[in-house]
């Protein structure tokens, strides 16, 4: 799934887990030195079909950082409205 460029590839297949010791070359290739744990299992997928989704049926998703930037004007407006509301409540209380 690529939400930034609305594309999705569906892959249909059958998966099997394998012991990495059975495939030492693949184990070496997939071992990631940037993790703390060892490679415990390999998953072999026999692809039987694939399908690219039409982009119009992919719901847009955004990262928290993208939303924070886009929503800053809305947050600022809410802060201003909250201050205005507090000031109006204060004026109402003074009248009573």
C-alpha atoms as a PDB file:
ATOM      1  CA  UNK A   1       0.000   0.000   0.000  1.00  0.00           C
ATOM      2  CA  UNK A   2       1.318   3.409  -0.948  1.00  0.00           C
ATOM      3  CA  UNK A   3      -0.967   6.103   0.476  1.00  0.00           C
ATOM      4  CA  UNK A   4       1.196   9.000  -0.714  1.00  0.00           C
ATOM      5  CA  UNK A   5       0.784   7.859  -4.333  1.00  0.00           C
ATOM      6  CA  UNK A   6      -2.570   6.086  -4.145  1.00  0.00           C
ATOM      7  CA  UNK A   7      -1.567   2.632  -5.323  1.00  0.00           C
ATOM      8  CA  UNK A   8      -2.097  -0.797  -3.853  1.00  0.00           C
ATOM      9  CA  UNK A   9      -0.921  -4.140  -5.077  1.00  0.00           C
ATOM     10  CA  UNK A  10      -2.891  -7.131  -3.855  1.00  0.00           C
ATOM     11  CA  UNK A  11      -0.943 -10.367  -3.967  1.00  0.00           C
ATOM     12  CA  UNK A  12      -2.738 -13.683  -3.764  1.00  0.00           C
ATOM     13  CA  UNK A  13      -0.719 -16.732  -2.883  1.00  0.00           C
ATOM     14  CA  UNK A  14       0.096 -19.502  -0.471  1.00  0.00           C
ATOM     15  CA  UNK A  15       2.575 -18.921   2.328  1.00  0.00           C
ATOM     16  CA  UNK A  16       4.760 -21.357   4.215  1.00  0.00           C
ATOM     17  CA  UNK A  17       7.137 -20.694   7.076  1.00  0.00           C
ATOM     18  CA  UNK A  18      10.603 -22.205   6.876  1.00  0.00           C
ATOM     19  CA  UNK A  19      13.547 -22.550   9.188  1.00  0.00           C
ATOM     20  CA  UNK A  20      16.269 -20.085   8.120  1.00  0.00           C
ATOM     21  CA  UNK A  21      18.857 -22.870   8.528  1.00  0.00           C
ATOM     22  CA  UNK A  22      17.328 -24.569   5.460  1.00  0.00           C
ATOM     23  CA  UNK A  23      18.303 -21.571   3.292  1.00  0.00           C
ATOM     24  CA  UNK A  24      21.659 -20.247   4.547  1.00  0.00           C
ATOM     25  CA  UNK A  25      22.203 -17.943   1.534  1.00  0.00           C
ATOM     26  CA  UNK A  26      18.763 -16.378   1.907  1.00  0.00           C
ATOM     27  CA  UNK A  27      19.207 -16.161   5.660  1.00  0.00           C
ATOM     28  CA  UNK A  28      22.472 -14.261   5.151  1.00  0.00           C
ATOM     29  CA  UNK A  29      20.825 -11.925   2.634  1.00  0.00           C
ATOM     30  CA  UNK A  30      17.840 -11.156   4.904  1.00  0.00           C
ATOM     31  CA  UNK A  31      19.654 -10.895   8.238  1.00  0.00           C
ATOM     32  CA  UNK A  32      19.440  -7.255   9.318  1.00  0.00           C
ATOM     33  CA  UNK A  33      22.360  -6.067  11.443  1.00  0.00           C
ATOM     34  CA  UNK A  34      20.253  -3.127  12.682  1.00  0.00           C
ATOM     35  CA  UNK A  35      17.961  -5.258  14.824  1.00  0.00           C
ATOM     36  CA  UNK A  36      18.565  -6.755  18.240  1.00  0.00           C
ATOM     37  CA  UNK A  37      17.026 -10.160  17.585  1.00  0.00           C
ATOM     38  CA  UNK A  38      17.901 -13.013  15.277  1.00  0.00           C
ATOM     39  CA  UNK A  39      15.992 -13.984  12.146  1.00  0.00           C
ATOM     40  CA  UNK A  40      13.646 -16.667  13.469  1.00  0.00           C
ATOM     41  CA  UNK A  41      11.530 -17.723  10.480  1.00  0.00           C
ATOM     42  CA  UNK A  42      11.408 -17.243   6.744  1.00  0.00           C
ATOM     43  CA  UNK A  43       8.104 -16.940   4.942  1.00  0.00           C
ATOM     44  CA  UNK A  44       7.988 -18.269   1.403  1.00  0.00           C
ATOM     45  CA  UNK A  45       5.025 -17.050  -0.654  1.00  0.00           C
ATOM     46  CA  UNK A  46       4.075 -18.736  -3.903  1.00  0.00           C
ATOM     47  CA  UNK A  47       2.336 -15.973  -5.828  1.00  0.00           C
ATOM     48  CA  UNK A  48      -0.765 -17.218  -7.651  1.00  0.00           C
ATOM     49  CA  UNK A  49      -2.130 -13.870  -8.734  1.00  0.00           C
ATOM     50  CA  UNK A  50      -1.899 -10.135  -8.314  1.00  0.00           C
ATOM     51  CA  UNK A  51      -4.158  -7.157  -8.786  1.00  0.00           C
ATOM     52  CA  UNK A  52      -3.480  -3.414  -8.911  1.00  0.00           C
ATOM     53  CA  UNK A  53      -6.309  -1.450  -7.279  1.00  0.00           C
ATOM     54  CA  UNK A  54      -7.891   1.528  -8.983  1.00  0.00           C
ATOM     55  CA  UNK A  55      -6.619   4.660  -7.157  1.00  0.00           C
ATOM     56  CA  UNK A  56     -10.116   6.133  -6.806  1.00  0.00           C
ATOM     57  CA  UNK A  57     -11.003   3.381  -4.320  1.00  0.00           C
ATOM     58  CA  UNK A  58      -8.055   4.053  -1.998  1.00  0.00           C
ATOM     59  CA  UNK A  59      -8.911   6.173   1.029  1.00  0.00           C
ATOM     60  CA  UNK A  60      -6.257   8.864   1.564  1.00  0.00           C
ATOM     61  CA  UNK A  61      -4.182   8.468   4.757  1.00  0.00           C
ATOM     62  CA  UNK A  62      -1.790  11.019   6.168  1.00  0.00           C
ATOM     63  CA  UNK A  63       1.052  10.919   8.683  1.00  0.00           C
ATOM     64  CA  UNK A  64       0.737  12.721  12.008  1.00  0.00           C
ATOM     65  CA  UNK A  65       3.336  15.258  10.828  1.00  0.00           C
ATOM     66  CA  UNK A  66       1.395  15.999   7.625  1.00  0.00           C
ATOM     67  CA  UNK A  67      -1.820  16.446   9.598  1.00  0.00           C
ATOM     68  CA  UNK A  68      -0.152  18.649  12.218  1.00  0.00           C
ATOM     69  CA  UNK A  69       0.994  21.066   9.537  1.00  0.00           C
ATOM     70  CA  UNK A  70      -2.347  21.062   7.721  1.00  0.00           C
ATOM     71  CA  UNK A  71      -4.375  21.476  10.922  1.00  0.00           C
ATOM     72  CA  UNK A  72      -2.346  24.295  12.482  1.00  0.00           C
ATOM     73  CA  UNK A  73      -4.660  27.035  11.082  1.00  0.00           C
ATOM     74  CA  UNK A  74      -7.656  25.154  12.498  1.00  0.00           C
ATOM     75  CA  UNK A  75      -5.984  24.813  15.900  1.00  0.00           C
ATOM     76  CA  UNK A  76      -5.144  28.521  15.914  1.00  0.00           C
ATOM     77  CA  UNK A  77      -8.760  29.390  15.093  1.00  0.00           C
ATOM     78  CA  UNK A  78      -9.967  27.117  17.908  1.00  0.00           C
ATOM     79  CA  UNK A  79      -7.588  28.834  20.357  1.00  0.00           C
ATOM     80  CA  UNK A  80      -8.921  32.244  19.293  1.00  0.00           C
ATOM     81  CA  UNK A  81     -12.523  31.078  19.663  1.00  0.00           C
ATOM     82  CA  UNK A  82     -11.812  29.622  23.116  1.00  0.00           C
ATOM     83  CA  UNK A  83     -10.311  32.951  24.234  1.00  0.00           C
ATOM     84  CA  UNK A  84     -13.283  34.850  22.808  1.00  0.00           C
ATOM     85  CA  UNK A  85     -15.706  32.483  24.553  1.00  0.00           C
ATOM     86  CA  UNK A  86     -13.893  32.938  27.878  1.00  0.00           C
ATOM     87  CA  UNK A  87     -14.013  36.732  27.485  1.00  0.00           C
ATOM     88  CA  UNK A  88     -17.747  36.663  26.670  1.00  0.00           C
ATOM     89  CA  UNK A  89     -18.480  34.439  29.677  1.00  0.00           C
ATOM     90  CA  UNK A  90     -16.568  36.848  31.862  1.00  0.00           C
ATOM     91  CA  UNK A  91     -18.607  39.781  30.532  1.00  0.00           C
ATOM     92  CA  UNK A  92     -21.840  37.857  31.181  1.00  0.00           C
ATOM     93  CA  UNK A  93     -20.796  37.141  34.763  1.00  0.00           C
ATOM     94  CA  UNK A  94     -20.014  40.840  35.303  1.00  0.00           C
ATOM     95  CA  UNK A  95     -23.581  41.748  34.232  1.00  0.00           C
ATOM     96  CA  UNK A  96     -25.108  39.363  36.752  1.00  0.00           C
END
